[in-house]
Amino acid sequence: LNRFEESAASHAKAIALQPGFAGAHHHRGRALRELGRGEDAIHCYNRAIELDAGNARAYHDRGFSLYENGRFTEALQDYDRAIADFDQALKIDPDNALGYYFRGWAYSSKGNLDRAIEEYSEAIRLEPGAYLYSWRGDAYRNKGDHERALADYEDDRLSKTAEIVRLNRTGGPERVIDEVEKLAPAGFEYVDRVLGRSEREAIVKGYAGKAGFALRQVNR
């Protein structure tokens, strides 16, 4: 945890010197999220958005933290806030498949399965992925539409095979390096400020899971 604590502390110093620096609030929020301080992270994202309303990534990160911190006794309020964040993020970046996916998740959590299916379908149109078919399949299943659910689960299985081929062609787990270079072409001091640990792990674990290399899969 030390590097995230250091990152949060260094950004706090930057904020003390320049309170209107939206990027410092945003990146401090990301460090706090990695430390498990979700509510503090949300406060940082709120301030970052107040200072820079055009930062789609800040809306995305705030929405994701609300998603992670779903307080189920206050679920409707939280999910409405998350939906509002993804609404704004998608206005800025309408081709962001993850935005539709998370907005679909929020609608599904509210019990609005028809709207969730619409969101998952748009995400699939933009960026077909096995996990999207699986989530849409779950929504169909919860609606009682088992035929469509089974079709999506089948697409999930088939697209995983195609995804492994695609990932191998685009560098497999080495995609972490590609993503960091894309986000920080001029170089960087701390990789965590460019691409968080959880995001790097998600890329590697996503590949391992799809390729069948995950420990739980190998031990079967």
C-alpha atoms as a PDB file:
ATOM      1  CA  LEU A   1       0.000   0.000   0.000  1.00  0.00           C
ATOM      2  CA  ASN A   2       2.946   2.355   0.480  1.00  0.00           C
ATOM      3  CA  ARG A   3       3.064   3.715  -3.043  1.00  0.00           C
ATOM      4  CA  PHE A   4      -0.656   4.554  -2.954  1.00  0.00           C
ATOM      5  CA  GLU A   5      -0.225   6.254   0.399  1.00  0.00           C
ATOM      6  CA  GLU A   6       2.701   8.193  -1.078  1.00  0.00           C
ATOM      7  CA  SER A   7       0.642   9.097  -4.124  1.00  0.00           C
ATOM      8  CA  ALA A   8      -2.269  10.314  -2.003  1.00  0.00           C
ATOM      9  CA  ALA A   9       0.112  12.336   0.174  1.00  0.00           C
ATOM     10  CA  SER A  10       1.955  13.885  -2.771  1.00  0.00           C
ATOM     11  CA  HIS A  11      -1.278  14.924  -4.434  1.00  0.00           C
ATOM     12  CA  ALA A  12      -2.505  16.363  -1.131  1.00  0.00           C
ATOM     13  CA  LYS A  13       0.636  18.528  -1.091  1.00  0.00           C
ATOM     14  CA  ALA A  14      -0.034  19.578  -4.684  1.00  0.00           C
ATOM     15  CA  ILE A  15      -3.592  20.542  -3.728  1.00  0.00           C
ATOM     16  CA  ALA A  16      -2.317  22.563  -0.768  1.00  0.00           C
ATOM     17  CA  LEU A  17      -0.054  24.508  -3.135  1.00  0.00           C
ATOM     18  CA  GLN A  18      -2.633  24.793  -5.931  1.00  0.00           C
ATOM     19  CA  PRO A  19      -6.190  24.106  -4.692  1.00  0.00           C
ATOM     20  CA  GLY A  20      -7.672  24.614  -8.150  1.00  0.00           C
ATOM     21  CA  PHE A  21      -5.591  21.855  -9.777  1.00  0.00           C
ATOM     22  CA  ALA A  22      -8.330  19.454 -10.913  1.00  0.00           C
ATOM     23  CA  GLY A  23      -5.880  16.724 -11.916  1.00  0.00           C
ATOM     24  CA  ALA A  24      -4.426  16.541  -8.412  1.00  0.00           C
ATOM     25  CA  HIS A  25      -7.879  16.023  -6.890  1.00  0.00           C
ATOM     26  CA  HIS A  26      -8.666  13.392  -9.506  1.00  0.00           C
ATOM     27  CA  HIS A  27      -5.454  11.409  -9.045  1.00  0.00           C
ATOM     28  CA  ARG A  28      -5.624  11.678  -5.257  1.00  0.00           C
ATOM     29  CA  GLY A  29      -9.088  10.147  -5.546  1.00  0.00           C
ATOM     30  CA  ARG A  30      -7.694   7.264  -7.567  1.00  0.00           C
ATOM     31  CA  ALA A  31      -4.979   6.637  -4.966  1.00  0.00           C
ATOM     32  CA  LEU A  32      -7.524   6.732  -2.138  1.00  0.00           C
ATOM     33  CA  ARG A  33      -9.731   4.274  -3.991  1.00  0.00           C
ATOM     34  CA  GLU A  34      -6.787   1.856  -4.245  1.00  0.00           C
ATOM     35  CA  LEU A  35      -6.374   2.232  -0.484  1.00  0.00           C
ATOM     36  CA  GLY A  36      -9.987   1.204   0.062  1.00  0.00           C
ATOM     37  CA  ARG A  37     -11.105   4.708   1.038  1.00  0.00           C
ATOM     38  CA  GLY A  38     -13.976   4.850  -1.407  1.00  0.00           C
ATOM     39  CA  GLU A  39     -15.964   7.679   0.147  1.00  0.00           C
ATOM     40  CA  ASP A  40     -12.864   9.888   0.417  1.00  0.00           C
ATOM     41  CA  ALA A  41     -12.132   9.087  -3.226  1.00  0.00           C
ATOM     42  CA  ILE A  42     -15.646  10.178  -4.210  1.00  0.00           C
ATOM     43  CA  HIS A  43     -15.134  13.507  -2.436  1.00  0.00           C
ATOM     44  CA  CYS A  44     -11.944  14.021  -4.449  1.00  0.00           C
ATOM     45  CA  TYR A  45     -13.731  13.190  -7.711  1.00  0.00           C
ATOM     46  CA  ASN A  46     -16.499  15.617  -6.790  1.00  0.00           C
ATOM     47  CA  ARG A  47     -13.964  18.416  -6.406  1.00  0.00           C
ATOM     48  CA  ALA A  48     -12.144  17.442  -9.605  1.00  0.00           C
ATOM     49  CA  ILE A  49     -15.423  17.602 -11.535  1.00  0.00           C
ATOM     50  CA  GLU A  50     -16.334  20.946  -9.984  1.00  0.00           C
ATOM     51  CA  LEU A  51     -13.025  22.297 -11.267  1.00  0.00           C
ATOM     52  CA  ASP A  52     -13.083  20.578 -14.668  1.00  0.00           C
ATOM     53  CA  ALA A  53     -16.575  19.556 -15.797  1.00  0.00           C
ATOM     54  CA  GLY A  54     -15.213  18.215 -19.091  1.00  0.00           C
ATOM     55  CA  ASN A  55     -13.098  15.467 -17.551  1.00  0.00           C
ATOM     56  CA  ALA A  56     -14.873  12.297 -18.688  1.00  0.00           C
ATOM     57  CA  ARG A  57     -12.418  10.065 -16.837  1.00  0.00           C
ATOM     58  CA  ALA A  58     -13.280  11.771 -13.536  1.00  0.00           C
ATOM     59  CA  TYR A  59     -16.985  11.057 -14.136  1.00  0.00           C
ATOM     60  CA  HIS A  60     -16.134   7.476 -15.010  1.00  0.00           C
ATOM     61  CA  ASP A  61     -13.954   7.018 -11.917  1.00  0.00           C
ATOM     62  CA  ARG A  62     -16.557   8.578  -9.636  1.00  0.00           C
ATOM     63  CA  GLY A  63     -19.252   6.375 -11.127  1.00  0.00           C
ATOM     64  CA  PHE A  64     -17.034   3.326 -10.682  1.00  0.00           C
ATOM     65  CA  SER A  65     -16.406   4.176  -7.022  1.00  0.00           C
ATOM     66  CA  LEU A  66     -20.141   4.557  -6.453  1.00  0.00           C
ATOM     67  CA  TYR A  67     -20.573   1.161  -8.128  1.00  0.00           C
ATOM     68  CA  GLU A  68     -17.909  -0.398  -5.900  1.00  0.00           C
ATOM     69  CA  ASN A  69     -19.247   1.278  -2.761  1.00  0.00           C
ATOM     70  CA  GLY A  70     -22.893   0.364  -3.397  1.00  0.00           C
ATOM     71  CA  ARG A  71     -24.462   0.882  -0.009  1.00  0.00           C
ATOM     72  CA  PHE A  72     -27.467  -1.321  -0.506  1.00  0.00           C
ATOM     73  CA  THR A  73     -29.585   0.379   2.148  1.00  0.00           C
ATOM     74  CA  GLU A  74     -29.190   3.559   0.086  1.00  0.00           C
ATOM     75  CA  ALA A  75     -28.950   1.789  -3.250  1.00  0.00           C
ATOM     76  CA  LEU A  76     -31.407   3.820  -5.298  1.00  0.00           C
ATOM     77  CA  GLN A  77     -29.751   7.101  -4.383  1.00  0.00           C
ATOM     78  CA  ASP A  78     -26.282   5.742  -5.088  1.00  0.00           C
ATOM     79  CA  TYR A  79     -27.264   4.151  -8.375  1.00  0.00           C
ATOM     80  CA  ASP A  80     -29.041   7.311  -9.493  1.00  0.00           C
ATOM     81  CA  ARG A  81     -25.878   9.284  -8.768  1.00  0.00           C
ATOM     82  CA  ALA A  82     -23.802   6.720 -10.656  1.00  0.00           C
ATOM     83  CA  ILE A  83     -26.205   6.843 -13.611  1.00  0.00           C
ATOM     84  CA  ALA A  84     -25.984  10.639 -13.634  1.00  0.00           C
ATOM     85  CA  ASP A  85     -22.187  10.388 -13.732  1.00  0.00           C
ATOM     86  CA  PHE A  86     -22.238   7.928 -16.610  1.00  0.00           C
ATOM     87  CA  ASP A  87     -24.810  10.087 -18.420  1.00  0.00           C
ATOM     88  CA  GLN A  88     -22.384  12.984 -18.266  1.00  0.00           C
ATOM     89  CA  ALA A  89     -19.356  10.871 -19.178  1.00  0.00           C
ATOM     90  CA  LEU A  90     -21.179   9.474 -22.227  1.00  0.00           C
ATOM     91  CA  LYS A  91     -22.151  12.967 -23.365  1.00  0.00           C
ATOM     92  CA  ILE A  92     -18.453  13.772 -23.440  1.00  0.00           C
ATOM     93  CA  ASP A  93     -17.345  10.401 -24.854  1.00  0.00           C
ATOM     94  CA  PRO A  94     -20.364   8.684 -26.483  1.00  0.00           C
ATOM     95  CA  ASP A  95     -18.273   5.786 -27.801  1.00  0.00           C
ATOM     96  CA  ASN A  96     -17.116   4.629 -24.368  1.00  0.00           C
ATOM     97  CA  ALA A  97     -18.372   1.040 -24.162  1.00  0.00           C
ATOM     98  CA  LEU A  98     -17.475   0.778 -20.471  1.00  0.00           C
ATOM     99  CA  GLY A  99     -19.755   3.724 -19.720  1.00  0.00           C
ATOM    100  CA  TYR A 100     -22.740   1.872 -21.198  1.00  0.00           C
ATOM    101  CA  TYR A 101     -21.738  -1.309 -19.378  1.00  0.00           C
ATOM    102  CA  PHE A 102     -21.586   0.371 -15.966  1.00  0.00           C
ATOM    103  CA  ARG A 103     -24.764   2.337 -16.623  1.00  0.00           C
ATOM    104  CA  GLY A 104     -26.429  -0.950 -17.536  1.00  0.00           C
ATOM    105  CA  TRP A 105     -25.182  -2.489 -14.295  1.00  0.00           C
ATOM    106  CA  ALA A 106     -26.668   0.411 -12.328  1.00  0.00           C
ATOM    107  CA  TYR A 107     -30.036   0.082 -14.073  1.00  0.00           C
ATOM    108  CA  SER A 108     -30.004  -3.668 -13.476  1.00  0.00           C
ATOM    109  CA  SER A 109     -29.304  -3.084  -9.784  1.00  0.00           C
ATOM    110  CA  LYS A 110     -32.331  -0.785  -9.667  1.00  0.00           C
ATOM    111  CA  GLY A 111     -34.456  -3.541 -11.209  1.00  0.00           C
ATOM    112  CA  ASN A 112     -34.869  -1.823 -14.588  1.00  0.00           C
ATOM    113  CA  LEU A 113     -33.864  -4.854 -16.648  1.00  0.00           C
ATOM    114  CA  ASP A 114     -35.196  -3.570 -19.988  1.00  0.00           C
ATOM    115  CA  ARG A 115     -33.038  -0.446 -19.770  1.00  0.00           C
ATOM    116  CA  ALA A 116     -30.076  -2.535 -18.594  1.00  0.00           C
ATOM    117  CA  ILE A 117     -30.405  -4.736 -21.689  1.00  0.00           C
ATOM    118  CA  GLU A 118     -30.450  -1.627 -23.905  1.00  0.00           C
ATOM    119  CA  GLU A 119     -27.246  -0.390 -22.268  1.00  0.00           C
ATOM    120  CA  TYR A 120     -25.472  -3.749 -22.533  1.00  0.00           C
ATOM    121  CA  SER A 121     -26.565  -4.023 -26.179  1.00  0.00           C
ATOM    122  CA  GLU A 122     -25.052  -0.628 -26.994  1.00  0.00           C
ATOM    123  CA  ALA A 123     -21.832  -1.601 -25.236  1.00  0.00           C
ATOM    124  CA  ILE A 124     -21.714  -4.827 -27.272  1.00  0.00           C
ATOM    125  CA  ARG A 125     -22.269  -2.850 -30.486  1.00  0.00           C
ATOM    126  CA  LEU A 126     -19.323  -0.618 -29.661  1.00  0.00           C
ATOM    127  CA  GLU A 127     -16.963  -3.235 -28.291  1.00  0.00           C
ATOM    128  CA  PRO A 128     -18.113  -6.868 -28.358  1.00  0.00           C
ATOM    129  CA  GLY A 129     -16.779  -8.687 -25.318  1.00  0.00           C
ATOM    130  CA  ALA A 130     -17.567 -11.955 -23.595  1.00  0.00           C
ATOM    131  CA  TYR A 131     -18.340 -10.346 -20.242  1.00  0.00           C
ATOM    132  CA  LEU A 132     -20.931  -8.091 -21.889  1.00  0.00           C
ATOM    133  CA  TYR A 133     -22.815 -11.039 -23.366  1.00  0.00           C
ATOM    134  CA  SER A 134     -22.688 -12.709 -19.960  1.00  0.00           C
ATOM    135  CA  TRP A 135     -24.146  -9.667 -18.161  1.00  0.00           C
ATOM    136  CA  ARG A 136     -26.854  -9.221 -20.782  1.00  0.00           C
ATOM    137  CA  GLY A 137     -27.583 -12.943 -20.517  1.00  0.00           C
ATOM    138  CA  ASP A 138     -28.064 -12.525 -16.774  1.00  0.00           C
ATOM    139  CA  ALA A 139     -30.508  -9.675 -17.383  1.00  0.00           C
ATOM    140  CA  TYR A 140     -32.499 -11.794 -19.838  1.00  0.00           C
ATOM    141  CA  ARG A 141     -32.476 -14.699 -17.369  1.00  0.00           C
ATOM    142  CA  ASN A 142     -33.753 -12.467 -14.570  1.00  0.00           C
ATOM    143  CA  LYS A 143     -36.551 -11.349 -16.904  1.00  0.00           C
ATOM    144  CA  GLY A 144     -37.454 -14.976 -17.520  1.00  0.00           C
ATOM    145  CA  ASP A 145     -36.369 -14.847 -21.191  1.00  0.00           C
ATOM    146  CA  HIS A 146     -34.316 -18.032 -21.033  1.00  0.00           C
ATOM    147  CA  GLU A 147     -33.992 -18.466 -24.796  1.00  0.00           C
ATOM    148  CA  ARG A 148     -32.219 -15.133 -25.237  1.00  0.00           C
ATOM    149  CA  ALA A 149     -30.206 -15.729 -22.076  1.00  0.00           C
ATOM    150  CA  LEU A 150     -28.901 -19.030 -23.458  1.00  0.00           C
ATOM    151  CA  ALA A 151     -28.051 -17.354 -26.777  1.00  0.00           C
ATOM    152  CA  ASP A 152     -26.003 -14.713 -24.962  1.00  0.00           C
ATOM    153  CA  TYR A 153     -24.231 -17.309 -22.820  1.00  0.00           C
ATOM    154  CA  GLU A 154     -23.318 -19.143 -26.027  1.00  0.00           C
ATOM    155  CA  ASP A 155     -21.994 -15.913 -27.541  1.00  0.00           C
ATOM    156  CA  ASP A 156     -20.077 -15.418 -24.294  1.00  0.00           C
ATOM    157  CA  ARG A 157     -18.373 -18.797 -24.736  1.00  0.00           C
ATOM    158  CA  LEU A 158     -17.604 -18.282 -28.429  1.00  0.00           C
ATOM    159  CA  SER A 159     -16.364 -14.735 -28.017  1.00  0.00           C
ATOM    160  CA  LYS A 160     -13.947 -15.814 -25.298  1.00  0.00           C
ATOM    161  CA  THR A 161     -12.162 -17.982 -27.857  1.00  0.00           C
ATOM    162  CA  ALA A 162     -12.065 -15.136 -30.364  1.00  0.00           C
ATOM    163  CA  GLU A 163     -10.940 -12.764 -27.610  1.00  0.00           C
ATOM    164  CA  ILE A 164      -7.918 -14.920 -26.779  1.00  0.00           C
ATOM    165  CA  VAL A 165      -6.846 -14.776 -30.423  1.00  0.00           C
ATOM    166  CA  ARG A 166      -7.379 -11.009 -30.505  1.00  0.00           C
ATOM    167  CA  LEU A 167      -5.470 -10.470 -27.250  1.00  0.00           C
ATOM    168  CA  ASN A 168      -2.550 -12.514 -28.492  1.00  0.00           C
ATOM    169  CA  ARG A 169      -2.437 -10.359 -31.611  1.00  0.00           C
ATOM    170  CA  THR A 170      -2.478  -7.152 -29.557  1.00  0.00           C
ATOM    171  CA  GLY A 171       0.231  -8.145 -27.102  1.00  0.00           C
ATOM    172  CA  GLY A 172      -1.609 -10.279 -24.565  1.00  0.00           C
ATOM    173  CA  PRO A 173      -0.658  -9.274 -21.011  1.00  0.00           C
ATOM    174  CA  GLU A 174       1.976  -6.923 -22.466  1.00  0.00           C
ATOM    175  CA  ARG A 175      -0.941  -4.646 -23.310  1.00  0.00           C
ATOM    176  CA  VAL A 176      -0.240  -3.033 -19.920  1.00  0.00           C
ATOM    177  CA  ILE A 177       2.881  -1.475 -21.435  1.00  0.00           C
ATOM    178  CA  ASP A 178       0.950  -0.326 -24.502  1.00  0.00           C
ATOM    179  CA  GLU A 179      -1.764   1.308 -22.367  1.00  0.00           C
ATOM    180  CA  VAL A 180       0.778   3.143 -20.201  1.00  0.00           C
ATOM    181  CA  GLU A 181       2.649   4.399 -23.271  1.00  0.00           C
ATOM    182  CA  LYS A 182      -0.629   5.564 -24.807  1.00  0.00           C
ATOM    183  CA  LEU A 183      -1.703   7.443 -21.670  1.00  0.00           C
ATOM    184  CA  ALA A 184       1.737   8.959 -20.978  1.00  0.00           C
ATOM    185  CA  PRO A 185       3.617   9.279 -24.292  1.00  0.00           C
ATOM    186  CA  ALA A 186       6.007  11.853 -22.799  1.00  0.00           C
ATOM    187  CA  GLY A 187       7.024   9.550 -19.947  1.00  0.00           C
ATOM    188  CA  PHE A 188       6.038   9.432 -16.303  1.00  0.00           C
ATOM    189  CA  GLU A 189       7.448   9.411 -12.785  1.00  0.00           C
ATOM    190  CA  TYR A 190       5.024   7.000 -11.114  1.00  0.00           C
ATOM    191  CA  VAL A 191       3.155   4.400 -13.136  1.00  0.00           C
ATOM    192  CA  ASP A 192       0.302   4.368 -10.587  1.00  0.00           C
ATOM    193  CA  ARG A 193      -0.549   7.940 -11.555  1.00  0.00           C
ATOM    194  CA  VAL A 194      -0.955   6.837 -15.157  1.00  0.00           C
ATOM    195  CA  LEU A 195      -2.644   3.439 -14.806  1.00  0.00           C
ATOM    196  CA  GLY A 196      -3.686   2.230 -11.346  1.00  0.00           C
ATOM    197  CA  ARG A 197      -2.582  -1.105  -9.964  1.00  0.00           C
ATOM    198  CA  SER A 198      -6.098  -2.525 -10.058  1.00  0.00           C
ATOM    199  CA  GLU A 199      -6.425  -1.529 -13.729  1.00  0.00           C
ATOM    200  CA  ARG A 200      -3.084  -3.149 -14.590  1.00  0.00           C
ATOM    201  CA  GLU A 201      -4.061  -6.282 -12.720  1.00  0.00           C
ATOM    202  CA  ALA A 202      -7.436  -6.318 -14.492  1.00  0.00           C
ATOM    203  CA  ILE A 203      -5.688  -6.391 -17.880  1.00  0.00           C
ATOM    204  CA  VAL A 204      -3.389  -9.259 -16.878  1.00  0.00           C
ATOM    205  CA  LYS A 205      -6.052 -11.211 -14.982  1.00  0.00           C
ATOM    206  CA  GLY A 206      -8.530 -10.656 -17.790  1.00  0.00           C
ATOM    207  CA  TYR A 207      -6.110 -12.224 -20.232  1.00  0.00           C
ATOM    208  CA  ALA A 208      -5.274 -15.082 -17.846  1.00  0.00           C
ATOM    209  CA  GLY A 209      -8.942 -15.785 -17.239  1.00  0.00           C
ATOM    210  CA  LYS A 210      -9.835 -15.771 -20.917  1.00  0.00           C
ATOM    211  CA  ALA A 211      -6.840 -17.955 -21.825  1.00  0.00           C
ATOM    212  CA  GLY A 212      -7.576 -20.415 -19.006  1.00  0.00           C
ATOM    213  CA  PHE A 213      -4.359 -19.613 -17.138  1.00  0.00           C
ATOM    214  CA  ALA A 214      -6.020 -18.353 -13.965  1.00  0.00           C
ATOM    215  CA  LEU A 215      -4.996 -20.400 -10.924  1.00  0.00           C
ATOM    216  CA  ARG A 216      -8.536 -21.538 -10.149  1.00  0.00           C
ATOM    217  CA  GLN A 217      -8.900 -22.737 -13.748  1.00  0.00           C
ATOM    218  CA  VAL A 218      -5.527 -24.507 -13.896  1.00  0.00           C
ATOM    219  CA  ASN A 219      -6.270 -26.338 -10.627  1.00  0.00           C
ATOM    220  CA  ARG A 220      -9.579 -27.724 -11.865  1.00  0.00           C
END
